[in-house]
C-alpha atoms as a PDB file:
ATOM      1  CA  MET A   1     173.697 191.695  16.601  1.00  0.00           C
ATOM      2  CA  VAL A   2     172.196 190.029  19.135  1.00  0.00           C
ATOM      3  CA  LEU A   3     168.805 191.051  17.504  1.00  0.00           C
ATOM      4  CA  GLN A   4     169.709 189.716  14.121  1.00  0.00           C
ATOM      5  CA  ARG A   5     170.482 186.387  15.417  1.00  0.00           C
ATOM      6  CA  LEU A   6     167.356 186.228  17.731  1.00  0.00           C
ATOM      7  CA  LEU A   7     165.531 186.773  14.365  1.00  0.00           C
ATOM      8  CA  TYR A   8     167.566 184.169  12.432  1.00  0.00           C
ATOM      9  CA  LEU A   9     166.557 181.140  15.279  1.00  0.00           C
ATOM     10  CA  ILE A  10     162.985 182.640  15.361  1.00  0.00           C
ATOM     11  CA  TYR A  11     162.514 182.648  11.912  1.00  0.00           C
ATOM     12  CA  GLY A  12     164.298 179.439  11.170  1.00  0.00           C
ATOM     13  CA  TYR A  13     162.758 177.720  13.959  1.00  0.00           C
ATOM     14  CA  VAL A  14     159.307 178.641  12.511  1.00  0.00           C
ATOM     15  CA  LEU A  15     160.379 177.502   9.139  1.00  0.00           C
ATOM     16  CA  VAL A  16     161.279 174.277  10.525  1.00  0.00           C
ATOM     17  CA  PHE A  17     157.423 174.078  12.330  1.00  0.00           C
ATOM     18  CA  LEU A  18     156.067 174.732   9.057  1.00  0.00           C
ATOM     19  CA  ALA A  19     158.490 172.369   7.031  1.00  0.00           C
ATOM     20  CA  GLY A  20     158.042 169.257   9.157  1.00  0.00           C
ATOM     21  CA  GLY A  21     154.416 169.682   9.897  1.00  0.00           C
ATOM     22  CA  THR A  22     153.397 169.888   6.198  1.00  0.00           C
ATOM     23  CA  LEU A  23     155.614 167.115   5.706  1.00  0.00           C
ATOM     24  CA  ILE A  24     154.481 164.515   8.348  1.00  0.00           C
ATOM     25  CA  PHE A  25     150.336 165.876   7.884  1.00  0.00           C
ATOM     26  CA  THR A  26     150.869 165.490   4.133  1.00  0.00           C
ATOM     27  CA  LEU A  27     152.990 162.503   3.594  1.00  0.00           C
ATOM     28  CA  PHE A  28     152.861 160.472   6.829  1.00  0.00           C
ATOM     29  CA  VAL A  29     149.292 161.244   8.468  1.00  0.00           C
ATOM     30  CA  THR A  30     147.087 161.380   5.593  1.00  0.00           C
ATOM     31  CA  PRO A  31     147.984 158.870   3.800  1.00  0.00           C
ATOM     32  CA  VAL A  32     147.832 156.457   6.935  1.00  0.00           C
ATOM     33  CA  LEU A  33     144.378 157.225   7.932  1.00  0.00           C
ATOM     34  CA  PHE A  34     143.126 156.629   4.242  1.00  0.00           C
ATOM     35  CA  HIS A  35     144.763 153.224   4.404  1.00  0.00           C
ATOM     36  CA  SER A  36     143.545 152.427   8.124  1.00  0.00           C
ATOM     37  CA  LEU A  37     140.493 153.963   8.053  1.00  0.00           C
ATOM     38  CA  GLY A  38     139.288 153.694   4.853  1.00  0.00           C
ATOM     39  CA  LYS A  39     137.632 155.821   2.124  1.00  0.00           C
ATOM     40  CA  GLU A  40     134.676 157.290   3.742  1.00  0.00           C
ATOM     41  CA  GLN A  41     135.731 157.698   7.599  1.00  0.00           C
ATOM     42  CA  ALA A  42     139.441 158.821   6.906  1.00  0.00           C
ATOM     43  CA  GLY A  43     137.458 161.636   4.490  1.00  0.00           C
ATOM     44  CA  HIS A  44     135.536 162.553   7.007  1.00  0.00           C
ATOM     45  CA  ILE A  45     138.609 162.975   9.882  1.00  0.00           C
ATOM     46  CA  VAL A  46     140.749 164.566   6.665  1.00  0.00           C
ATOM     47  CA  GLY A  47     137.775 167.317   6.178  1.00  0.00           C
ATOM     48  CA  VAL A  48     137.672 168.409   9.943  1.00  0.00           C
ATOM     49  CA  LEU A  49     141.562 168.520  10.399  1.00  0.00           C
ATOM     50  CA  PHE A  50     142.513 170.321   6.947  1.00  0.00           C
ATOM     51  CA  PRO A  51     140.648 173.750   7.424  1.00  0.00           C
ATOM     52  CA  PRO A  52     142.126 174.917  10.936  1.00  0.00           C
ATOM     53  CA  TYR A  53     145.732 173.234   9.337  1.00  0.00           C
ATOM     54  CA  PHE A  54     145.213 175.431   5.922  1.00  0.00           C
ATOM     55  CA  HIS A  55     144.944 178.157   8.576  1.00  0.00           C
ATOM     56  CA  LEU A  56     147.588 176.990  10.938  1.00  0.00           C
ATOM     57  CA  LEU A  57     149.787 177.192   7.665  1.00  0.00           C
ATOM     58  CA  PHE A  58     148.919 181.063   6.445  1.00  0.00           C
ATOM     59  CA  VAL A  59     149.182 182.295  10.123  1.00  0.00           C
ATOM     60  CA  PHE A  60     152.607 181.439  10.530  1.00  0.00           C
ATOM     61  CA  THR A  61     153.326 181.634   6.812  1.00  0.00           C
ATOM     62  CA  LEU A  62     152.468 185.534   7.523  1.00  0.00           C
ATOM     63  CA  VAL A  63     154.444 185.320  10.892  1.00  0.00           C
ATOM     64  CA  SER A  64     157.748 183.991   8.881  1.00  0.00           C
ATOM     65  CA  LEU A  65     157.378 186.990   6.286  1.00  0.00           C
ATOM     66  CA  LEU A  66     157.570 189.373   9.195  1.00  0.00           C
ATOM     67  CA  LEU A  67     160.315 187.961  10.539  1.00  0.00           C
ATOM     68  CA  GLN A  68     162.085 187.802   7.600  1.00  0.00           C
ATOM     69  CA  GLY A  69     161.257 191.098   6.745  1.00  0.00           C
ATOM     70  CA  SER A  70     162.621 192.436   9.745  1.00  0.00           C
ATOM     71  CA  ARG A  71     165.476 190.635   8.958  1.00  0.00           C
ATOM     72  CA  VAL A  72     165.916 192.200   5.467  1.00  0.00           C
ATOM     73  CA  ALA A  73     165.235 195.673   7.027  1.00  0.00           C
ATOM     74  CA  LEU A  74     167.958 195.152   9.698  1.00  0.00           C
ATOM     75  CA  LYS A  75     170.373 193.709   7.423  1.00  0.00           C
ATOM     76  CA  PRO A  76     169.356 195.141   3.247  1.00  0.00           C
ATOM     77  CA  SER A  77     172.234 193.023   1.474  1.00  0.00           C
ATOM     78  CA  GLY A  78     170.847 189.574   2.232  1.00  0.00           C
ATOM     79  CA  GLY A  79     167.231 187.744   2.623  1.00  0.00           C
ATOM     80  CA  ARG A  80     165.715 189.163  -0.337  1.00  0.00           C
ATOM     81  CA  LYS A  81     165.252 186.226  -2.445  1.00  0.00           C
ATOM     82  CA  SER A  82     163.424 184.499   0.774  1.00  0.00           C
ATOM     83  CA  LEU A  83     161.520 187.585   1.590  1.00  0.00           C
ATOM     84  CA  TYR A  84     160.167 187.263  -1.956  1.00  0.00           C
ATOM     85  CA  PHE A  85     159.693 183.212  -2.010  1.00  0.00           C
ATOM     86  CA  LEU A  86     157.669 183.965   1.108  1.00  0.00           C
ATOM     87  CA  GLY A  87     155.392 186.255  -0.132  1.00  0.00           C
ATOM     88  CA  ILE A  88     154.357 183.987  -2.857  1.00  0.00           C
ATOM     89  CA  LEU A  89     153.772 181.375   0.122  1.00  0.00           C
ATOM     90  CA  THR A  90     152.269 183.253   2.242  1.00  0.00           C
ATOM     91  CA  THR A  91     149.433 184.468  -1.099  1.00  0.00           C
ATOM     92  CA  MET A  92     149.502 180.699  -1.553  1.00  0.00           C
ATOM     93  CA  THR A  93     148.547 179.899   1.968  1.00  0.00           C
ATOM     94  CA  GLY A  94     146.255 182.471   2.237  1.00  0.00           C
ATOM     95  CA  TYR A  95     144.386 181.505  -0.896  1.00  0.00           C
ATOM     96  CA  LEU A  96     144.382 177.634   0.476  1.00  0.00           C
ATOM     97  CA  ALA A  97     143.297 179.017   3.941  1.00  0.00           C
ATOM     98  CA  LEU A  98     140.165 181.814   2.824  1.00  0.00           C
ATOM     99  CA  SER A  99     139.050 180.958  -0.621  1.00  0.00           C
ATOM    100  CA  LEU A 100     139.978 177.048  -2.134  1.00  0.00           C
ATOM    101  CA  GLY A 101     139.926 175.229   1.218  1.00  0.00           C
ATOM    102  CA  PRO A 102     136.321 176.276   1.814  1.00  0.00           C
ATOM    103  CA  ARG A 103     135.441 175.864  -1.479  1.00  0.00           C
ATOM    104  CA  ALA A 104     136.378 172.425  -1.432  1.00  0.00           C
ATOM    105  CA  MET A 105     134.457 171.833   1.692  1.00  0.00           C
ATOM    106  CA  SER A 106     131.482 173.200   0.719  1.00  0.00           C
ATOM    107  CA  SER A 107     131.396 171.492  -2.348  1.00  0.00           C
ATOM    108  CA  ARG A 108     132.228 168.016  -0.643  1.00  0.00           C
ATOM    109  CA  ALA A 109     129.121 168.598   1.841  1.00  0.00           C
ATOM    110  CA  ALA A 110     126.884 169.449  -1.351  1.00  0.00           C
ATOM    111  CA  TRP A 111     128.144 166.007  -3.119  1.00  0.00           C
ATOM    112  CA  TYR A 112     127.404 164.347   0.057  1.00  0.00           C
ATOM    113  CA  ALA A 113     124.074 165.991   0.302  1.00  0.00           C
ATOM    114  CA  LYS A 114     123.367 164.344  -3.030  1.00  0.00           C
ATOM    115  CA  PRO A 115     125.794 161.702  -3.659  1.00  0.00           C
ATOM    116  CA  GLY A 116     124.381 160.532  -7.283  1.00  0.00           C
ATOM    117  CA  ASP A 117     125.036 163.886  -8.519  1.00  0.00           C
ATOM    118  CA  ALA A 118     128.261 163.137 -10.705  1.00  0.00           C
ATOM    119  CA  SER A 119     128.668 167.384 -11.697  1.00  0.00           C
ATOM    120  CA  LEU A 120     128.695 168.125  -7.510  1.00  0.00           C
ATOM    121  CA  LYS A 121     131.598 165.346  -7.505  1.00  0.00           C
ATOM    122  CA  ALA A 122     133.191 166.384 -10.382  1.00  0.00           C
ATOM    123  CA  THR A 123     133.522 169.761  -8.460  1.00  0.00           C
ATOM    124  CA  PHE A 124     134.702 168.510  -5.217  1.00  0.00           C
ATOM    125  CA  ASP A 125     137.322 166.375  -7.034  1.00  0.00           C
ATOM    126  CA  SER A 126     138.602 169.228  -9.356  1.00  0.00           C
ATOM    127  CA  LEU A 127     138.825 171.636  -5.959  1.00  0.00           C
ATOM    128  CA  HIS A 128     140.264 168.718  -4.185  1.00  0.00           C
ATOM    129  CA  GLN A 129     142.755 168.405  -6.822  1.00  0.00           C
ATOM    130  CA  GLN A 130     143.994 171.934  -6.895  1.00  0.00           C
ATOM    131  CA  SER A 131     144.193 171.682  -2.971  1.00  0.00           C
ATOM    132  CA  VAL A 132     146.682 169.025  -3.126  1.00  0.00           C
ATOM    133  CA  LEU A 133     148.825 170.322  -5.877  1.00  0.00           C
ATOM    134  CA  LEU A 134     148.810 173.768  -3.786  1.00  0.00           C
ATOM    135  CA  ASN A 135     149.774 171.829  -0.580  1.00  0.00           C
ATOM    136  CA  GLY A 136     152.852 170.358  -2.423  1.00  0.00           C
ATOM    137  CA  PHE A 137     153.724 173.451  -4.130  1.00  0.00           C
ATOM    138  CA  ILE A 138     153.612 174.893  -0.301  1.00  0.00           C
ATOM    139  CA  LEU A 139     155.807 171.799   0.916  1.00  0.00           C
ATOM    140  CA  ALA A 140     158.244 172.561  -1.673  1.00  0.00           C
ATOM    141  CA  GLY A 141     158.522 176.067  -0.694  1.00  0.00           C
ATOM    142  CA  TYR A 142     159.039 175.570   2.435  1.00  0.00           C
ATOM    143  CA  LEU A 143     161.644 172.999   2.115  1.00  0.00           C
ATOM    144  CA  GLY A 144     163.631 175.343   0.008  1.00  0.00           C
ATOM    145  CA  LEU A 145     162.996 177.908   2.109  1.00  0.00           C
ATOM    146  CA  VAL A 146     164.752 175.881   5.016  1.00  0.00           C
ATOM    147  CA  LEU A 147     167.815 174.953   2.435  1.00  0.00           C
ATOM    148  CA  PHE A 148     167.935 178.473   1.638  1.00  0.00           C
ATOM    149  CA  LEU A 149     168.387 179.262   5.831  1.00  0.00           C
ATOM    150  CA  LEU A 150     170.840 176.512   6.009  1.00  0.00           C
ATOM    151  CA  THR A 151     173.092 177.840   3.377  1.00  0.00           C
ATOM    152  CA  GLU A 152     173.216 181.523   4.570  1.00  0.00           C
ATOM    153  CA  PRO A 153     176.242 182.833   4.931  1.00  0.00           C
ATOM    154  CA  PRO A 154     177.014 183.636   8.857  1.00  0.00           C
ATOM    155  CA  SER A 155     177.137 187.278   8.424  1.00  0.00           C
ATOM    156  CA  THR A 156     173.732 187.407   7.539  1.00  0.00           C
ATOM    157  CA  HIS A 157     172.639 186.202  10.884  1.00  0.00           C
ATOM    158  CA  GLY A 158     174.560 187.615  13.110  1.00  0.00           C
ATOM    159  CA  GLY A 159     176.936 185.103  13.398  1.00  0.00           C
ATOM    160  CA  LYS A 160     180.934 185.185  13.129  1.00  0.00           C
ATOM    161  CA  SER A 161     182.193 185.054  10.000  1.00  0.00           C
ATOM    162  CA  ARG A 162     184.874 182.074   9.617  1.00  0.00           C
ATOM    163  CA  VAL A 163     186.351 184.292   6.860  1.00  0.00           C
ATOM    164  CA  PRO A 164     189.720 186.091   8.133  1.00  0.00           C
END
């Protein structure tokens, strides 16, 4: 019971960190940088910030998958949907951090080395668009998981049920 409650709390904190951090970084920090600094300078800053950000998302999504897996192992009757959903999000963040992100960064560097090459710009634009879309899906996934967590019955997280 105490372990279930502890896992619930840690899992909840990790999810809120992921959802809040992704929300702030994606919807506030990045647009403010581009609005304030201009495309060139903001692009450079975002190019420095996003690779570690993607890795951070991947690591903490993996941690949340392990926490939810532990919760399901202790109480098999609940949390399976969230566990499956976290598996999908872990795959998505892993792909973003380990494949798509690095390819986008290298294509950006290649395009900056030859700014007149339209095919290099098209490659970067395509990879960047995929990255933006995937990041949006990941954000929606985190928010959905927070909602799942908030609507869990108390019996699944070691709390006392209010139903007699």
